[in-house]
Amino acid sequence: MPHATTPDGIKLYYEESGSGTPILFVHEYSGDWRSWEPQMRYFSRRYRCITYSFRGYPGSDTPEIESMYGQQHAVDDAKHMLDHLGIERAHIVGLSQGAFATAHFGRQYTSRALTLTLAGVGSGAGREGHEQFKKDAQATAVRIRKEGMAKYANALTRNPTRSRFKQKDPRGFAEFVKHLSEHPDVGSANTMQEYQGKRPSLYDFEAEWQKLELPTLIICGDEDEPCLQPSLYLKRVLPNAGLALFAKTGHTVNIEEPDAFNRELGNFLMLAEAGKWTPADPLDSNAPMI
């Protein structure tokens, strides 16, 4: 089984397929390396695709020490994965928790990214409700330690941002819940406590986002209510970002609508690589409005 070892000694499980320009896929809280299978199969025809599990997730090491988790570890681990594979620059594609890591990877390791894709990004990161989100995450971590991931996974079936996936694709949704139930209790609780429960708001970094000129694609389902406003916010402040909204779609957009996701991402990568994904012209206050 292939593993990349981080400087603090954590082994991260990964798989790769294909050849060409690299794409690094970064999964959500409720996912793992398996969550990107529709993208691995599709994009490996033209790209070198890498999927991996965060620390505390299936296949990777699960440290007991709580301080060995958190958003900065996730950002750095993405860089360590590229270092291990000898990759200088890659397209970085993240969903939800992975999209937070991807955004901050672009902010901190700009020279290592070709493009950024932020899907389902921003839940709990707005100016309103951020502190309550962190408190809720801390409480959820306590419940996971007490009740385990199997119960947490079952409860997620009633989450309104996941219900459309369940309606559209019961078989795929059942597989998603099964995989989630297999996540280590300790790793999941520590991640919820240290990452979800302590991460800063995206809005805290506005000045830095305004300077980040990397080609960026933001994807959001229109039924992923907690991510709608943060997605619009990032579209406004990132100078070279585009926003794609998927109708009647929830949070787990890459496996709920894999064909649409792959089309949108593929078009973005093609335009970015051709130098055609460019910032919009600045507004001219003297131009007619209609």
Protein backbone atom coordinates (compact mmCIF):
# COMPACT_ATOMS: atom_id res chain seq x y z
CA MET A 1 0.00 0.00 0.00
CA PRO A 2 1.54 3.37 -1.02
CA HIS A 3 2.03 5.93 1.73
CA ALA A 4 3.62 9.36 1.95
CA THR A 5 5.23 10.14 5.31
CA THR A 6 4.88 13.69 6.64
CA PRO A 7 7.68 15.46 8.55
CA ASP A 8 5.87 14.70 11.84
CA GLY A 9 5.83 10.98 11.01
CA ILE A 10 2.24 10.47 9.81
CA LYS A 11 1.75 8.03 6.94
CA LEU A 12 -0.86 9.20 4.44
CA TYR A 13 -2.41 6.61 2.17
CA TYR A 14 -2.74 7.58 -1.49
CA GLU A 15 -3.53 6.15 -4.90
CA GLU A 16 -2.66 7.52 -8.30
CA SER A 17 -3.66 6.80 -11.87
CA GLY A 18 -2.85 8.14 -15.30
CA SER A 19 -0.08 10.35 -16.65
CA GLY A 20 0.29 13.97 -17.62
CA THR A 21 -0.26 17.18 -15.70
CA PRO A 22 -0.99 16.29 -12.04
CA ILE A 23 -4.32 16.78 -10.28
CA LEU A 24 -4.42 16.40 -6.49
CA PHE A 25 -7.90 15.65 -5.11
CA VAL A 26 -8.57 16.72 -1.48
CA HIS A 27 -11.61 15.13 0.17
CA GLU A 28 -14.34 16.43 2.49
CA TYR A 29 -14.87 15.69 6.20
CA SER A 30 -17.33 12.88 5.43
CA GLY A 31 -15.20 11.46 2.62
CA ASP A 32 -11.81 9.82 2.14
CA TRP A 33 -9.57 8.75 -0.74
CA ARG A 34 -12.48 6.76 -2.22
CA SER A 35 -14.66 9.86 -2.58
CA TRP A 36 -13.01 10.89 -5.84
CA GLU A 37 -13.46 7.64 -7.76
CA PRO A 38 -15.66 9.17 -10.53
CA GLN A 39 -13.01 11.83 -11.09
CA MET A 40 -10.07 9.41 -10.87
CA ARG A 41 -11.59 7.25 -13.59
CA TYR A 42 -12.46 10.15 -15.86
CA PHE A 43 -9.49 12.49 -15.54
CA SER A 44 -6.80 9.79 -15.43
CA ARG A 45 -7.35 9.40 -19.16
CA ARG A 46 -5.54 12.72 -19.66
CA TYR A 47 -3.97 13.63 -16.31
CA ARG A 48 -1.89 12.16 -13.51
CA CYS A 49 -4.51 11.91 -10.77
CA ILE A 50 -3.79 11.51 -7.05
CA THR A 51 -6.30 10.87 -4.30
CA TYR A 52 -5.36 10.44 -0.64
CA SER A 53 -6.79 10.21 2.86
CA PHE A 54 -6.26 12.88 5.50
CA ARG A 55 -4.56 11.87 8.73
CA GLY A 56 -7.13 10.07 10.88
CA TYR A 57 -8.94 8.64 7.84
CA PRO A 58 -9.07 5.13 6.29
CA GLY A 59 -5.69 3.93 5.11
CA SER A 60 -3.74 6.73 6.78
CA ASP A 61 -2.32 6.86 10.30
CA THR A 62 -4.67 7.90 13.10
CA PRO A 63 -2.69 9.69 15.80
CA GLU A 64 -4.25 9.86 19.24
CA ILE A 65 -2.78 13.29 20.00
CA GLU A 66 -5.38 15.96 19.28
CA SER A 67 -2.86 18.66 18.39
CA MET A 68 -1.70 16.57 15.42
CA TYR A 69 -4.93 17.51 13.62
CA GLY A 70 -6.31 20.77 12.27
CA GLN A 71 -6.58 22.94 9.19
CA GLN A 72 -2.90 23.83 8.99
CA HIS A 73 -1.93 20.16 9.13
CA ALA A 74 -4.33 19.52 6.25
CA VAL A 75 -2.83 22.33 4.18
CA ASP A 76 0.71 21.18 4.87
CA ASP A 77 -0.14 17.53 4.21
CA ALA A 78 -1.31 18.42 0.69
CA LYS A 79 2.10 19.99 0.10
CA HIS A 80 3.84 16.95 1.61
CA MET A 81 1.93 14.74 -0.81
CA LEU A 82 3.25 16.72 -3.77
CA ASP A 83 6.76 16.66 -2.27
CA HIS A 84 6.63 12.89 -1.82
CA LEU A 85 5.57 12.36 -5.42
CA GLY A 86 8.14 14.78 -6.81
CA ILE A 87 5.47 17.11 -8.18
CA GLU A 88 6.41 20.77 -8.43
CA ARG A 89 2.96 22.13 -9.39
CA ALA A 90 -0.50 20.59 -9.68
CA HIS A 91 -4.14 21.42 -10.14
CA ILE A 92 -5.59 21.26 -6.61
CA VAL A 93 -9.24 20.16 -6.37
CA GLY A 94 -11.02 20.16 -2.99
CA LEU A 95 -14.50 19.52 -1.66
CA SER A 96 -15.87 21.08 1.55
CA GLN A 97 -13.23 20.54 4.27
CA GLY A 98 -10.87 19.76 1.41
CA ALA A 99 -11.89 22.99 -0.31
CA PHE A 100 -10.91 24.97 2.80
CA ALA A 101 -7.53 23.24 2.70
CA THR A 102 -7.27 23.90 -1.05
CA ALA A 103 -8.04 27.62 -0.66
CA HIS A 104 -5.43 28.04 2.06
CA PHE A 105 -2.97 25.90 0.09
CA GLY A 106 -3.33 28.42 -2.73
CA ARG A 107 -2.85 31.27 -0.26
CA GLN A 108 0.23 29.80 1.43
CA TYR A 109 1.83 27.72 -1.33
CA THR A 110 0.80 29.71 -4.39
CA SER A 111 3.80 28.63 -6.47
CA ARG A 112 2.86 24.94 -6.05
CA ALA A 113 -0.64 25.29 -7.54
CA LEU A 114 -1.56 25.54 -11.21
CA THR A 115 -5.22 26.12 -10.42
CA LEU A 116 -7.64 25.82 -7.50
CA THR A 117 -11.08 24.20 -7.50
CA LEU A 118 -13.25 24.92 -4.45
CA ALA A 119 -16.40 22.77 -4.38
CA GLY A 120 -18.97 22.95 -1.59
CA VAL A 121 -16.84 25.53 0.17
CA GLY A 122 -17.69 27.78 3.08
CA SER A 123 -20.09 25.98 5.42
CA GLY A 124 -19.92 27.75 8.78
CA ALA A 125 -17.38 30.25 7.50
CA GLY A 126 -19.54 33.33 7.09
CA ARG A 127 -19.42 36.46 9.19
CA GLU A 128 -22.60 35.39 10.94
CA GLY A 129 -22.81 32.08 12.74
CA HIS A 130 -19.11 31.24 12.62
CA GLU A 131 -18.63 31.04 16.37
CA GLN A 132 -21.77 28.94 16.75
CA PHE A 133 -20.55 26.60 14.01
CA LYS A 134 -17.34 26.00 15.94
CA LYS A 135 -19.25 25.34 19.16
CA ASP A 136 -21.50 22.86 17.35
CA ALA A 137 -18.44 21.12 15.90
CA GLN A 138 -16.92 20.75 19.36
CA ALA A 139 -20.18 19.24 20.62
CA THR A 140 -20.29 16.88 17.63
CA ALA A 141 -16.75 15.72 18.42
CA VAL A 142 -17.89 14.80 21.93
CA ARG A 143 -20.80 12.79 20.50
CA ILE A 144 -18.53 10.95 18.09
CA ARG A 145 -16.21 9.96 20.93
CA LYS A 146 -19.20 8.69 22.89
CA GLU A 147 -21.35 7.09 20.17
CA GLY A 148 -18.98 6.29 17.28
CA MET A 149 -18.94 7.03 13.58
CA ALA A 150 -21.56 4.47 12.59
CA LYS A 151 -24.23 6.46 14.46
CA TYR A 152 -22.90 9.75 13.08
CA ALA A 153 -23.04 8.39 9.53
CA ASN A 154 -26.62 7.23 9.97
CA ALA A 155 -27.65 10.66 11.30
CA LEU A 156 -26.17 12.31 8.21
CA THR A 157 -28.83 10.64 6.08
CA ARG A 158 -31.27 13.23 7.45
CA ASN A 159 -29.09 16.24 6.62
CA PRO A 160 -30.92 18.50 4.13
CA THR A 161 -27.73 19.20 2.16
CA ARG A 162 -27.38 15.44 1.54
CA SER A 163 -31.03 14.49 0.98
CA ARG A 164 -31.04 15.23 -2.76
CA PHE A 165 -28.14 12.81 -3.24
CA LYS A 166 -30.12 10.14 -1.38
CA GLN A 167 -33.16 10.83 -3.56
CA LYS A 168 -31.28 10.79 -6.87
CA ASP A 169 -28.94 7.89 -6.26
CA PRO A 170 -29.91 5.62 -3.34
CA ARG A 171 -27.23 3.10 -4.24
CA GLY A 172 -24.47 5.70 -4.39
CA PHE A 173 -25.71 7.34 -1.21
CA ALA A 174 -25.75 4.01 0.64
CA GLU A 175 -22.12 3.45 -0.40
CA PHE A 176 -21.24 6.96 0.81
CA VAL A 177 -22.82 6.28 4.23
CA LYS A 178 -21.12 2.87 4.47
CA HIS A 179 -17.70 4.37 3.78
CA LEU A 180 -18.32 7.12 6.33
CA SER A 181 -19.31 4.61 8.99
CA GLU A 182 -15.93 2.93 8.53
CA HIS A 183 -13.95 6.02 9.52
CA PRO A 184 -11.91 5.70 12.73
CA ASP A 185 -13.76 7.18 15.70
CA VAL A 186 -10.63 8.80 17.14
CA GLY A 187 -9.53 10.36 13.86
CA SER A 188 -13.00 11.64 13.07
CA ALA A 189 -13.51 13.14 16.52
CA ASN A 190 -10.08 14.77 16.53
CA THR A 191 -10.64 16.19 13.04
CA MET A 192 -14.06 17.56 14.02
CA GLN A 193 -12.63 19.11 17.18
CA GLU A 194 -9.37 20.51 15.83
CA TYR A 195 -10.24 21.33 12.20
CA GLN A 196 -13.97 22.05 12.03
CA GLY A 197 -14.10 23.34 15.58
CA LYS A 198 -11.15 25.72 15.36
CA ARG A 199 -10.73 26.86 11.78
CA PRO A 200 -10.83 30.62 11.14
CA SER A 201 -13.47 32.22 8.94
CA LEU A 202 -12.73 32.56 5.24
CA TYR A 203 -13.75 36.19 5.60
CA ASP A 204 -10.74 36.82 7.86
CA PHE A 205 -8.41 36.58 4.86
CA GLU A 206 -10.08 39.00 2.46
CA ALA A 207 -6.97 41.07 1.79
CA GLU A 208 -5.03 37.93 0.90
CA TRP A 209 -7.79 36.51 -1.30
CA GLN A 210 -7.81 39.77 -3.26
CA LYS A 211 -4.15 39.21 -4.14
CA LEU A 212 -4.52 35.54 -5.11
CA GLU A 213 -4.51 35.53 -8.92
CA LEU A 214 -4.53 31.78 -9.49
CA PRO A 215 -7.25 30.54 -11.85
CA THR A 216 -10.00 29.36 -9.50
CA LEU A 217 -13.23 27.46 -10.08
CA ILE A 218 -15.91 27.54 -7.38
CA ILE A 219 -18.66 24.91 -7.58
CA CYS A 220 -21.78 24.88 -5.43
CA GLY A 221 -25.06 23.00 -5.45
CA ASP A 222 -28.07 25.31 -5.17
CA GLU A 223 -29.43 23.18 -2.31
CA ASP A 224 -26.17 23.42 -0.39
CA GLU A 225 -27.57 26.39 1.50
CA PRO A 226 -24.67 26.96 3.97
CA CYS A 227 -22.22 27.31 1.07
CA LEU A 228 -24.15 29.64 -1.24
CA GLN A 229 -23.20 32.98 0.28
CA PRO A 230 -19.56 32.01 0.99
CA SER A 231 -19.26 30.83 -2.63
CA LEU A 232 -20.57 34.17 -3.89
CA TYR A 233 -18.23 35.96 -1.49
CA LEU A 234 -15.18 34.09 -2.81
CA LYS A 235 -16.27 34.75 -6.40
CA ARG A 236 -16.29 38.46 -5.62
CA VAL A 237 -12.96 38.69 -3.77
CA LEU A 238 -10.80 36.24 -5.73
CA PRO A 239 -9.68 38.16 -8.82
CA ASN A 240 -9.62 35.22 -11.24
CA ALA A 241 -12.50 33.07 -9.98
CA GLY A 242 -15.54 31.68 -11.75
CA LEU A 243 -18.65 30.27 -10.08
CA ALA A 244 -20.68 27.29 -11.29
CA LEU A 245 -24.04 26.56 -9.63
CA PHE A 246 -25.66 23.16 -10.10
CA ALA A 247 -29.45 23.05 -9.94
CA LYS A 248 -31.23 20.71 -7.50
CA THR A 249 -27.89 19.59 -6.08
CA GLY A 250 -26.58 19.32 -2.54
CA HIS A 251 -23.23 19.28 -0.80
CA THR A 252 -21.50 16.15 -2.11
CA VAL A 253 -21.53 17.57 -5.60
CA ASN A 254 -18.74 15.51 -7.19
CA ILE A 255 -20.46 12.16 -6.51
CA GLU A 256 -24.04 13.41 -6.61
CA GLU A 257 -23.59 14.86 -10.13
CA PRO A 258 -20.33 13.33 -11.39
CA ASP A 259 -20.96 13.94 -15.10
CA ALA A 260 -21.78 17.63 -14.61
CA PHE A 261 -18.87 18.04 -12.18
CA ASN A 262 -16.41 16.40 -14.55
CA ARG A 263 -17.62 18.51 -17.48
CA GLU A 264 -17.29 21.73 -15.51
CA LEU A 265 -13.90 20.85 -14.09
CA GLY A 266 -12.62 19.58 -17.45
CA ASN A 267 -13.65 22.79 -19.22
CA PHE A 268 -12.01 24.88 -16.50
CA LEU A 269 -8.72 22.98 -16.70
CA MET A 270 -8.71 23.23 -20.51
CA LEU A 271 -9.27 27.00 -20.43
CA ALA A 272 -6.75 27.55 -17.65
CA GLU A 273 -4.06 25.54 -19.40
CA ALA A 274 -4.69 27.49 -22.61
CA GLY A 275 -4.36 30.80 -20.77
CA LYS A 276 -8.01 31.60 -21.50
CA TRP A 277 -9.31 31.64 -17.89
CA THR A 278 -8.73 35.31 -17.22
CA PRO A 279 -10.03 38.00 -14.84
CA ALA A 280 -13.06 40.01 -15.87
CA ASP A 281 -12.57 43.49 -17.28
CA PRO A 282 -12.83 46.15 -14.57
CA LEU A 283 -16.13 47.96 -14.34
CA ASP A 284 -16.34 51.26 -16.21
CA SER A 285 -18.46 53.69 -14.24
CA ASN A 286 -19.15 55.68 -17.42
CA ALA A 287 -20.43 52.70 -19.40
CA PRO A 288 -24.19 52.25 -19.84
CA MET A 289 -25.68 49.80 -17.35
CA ILE A 290 -27.89 48.04 -19.93
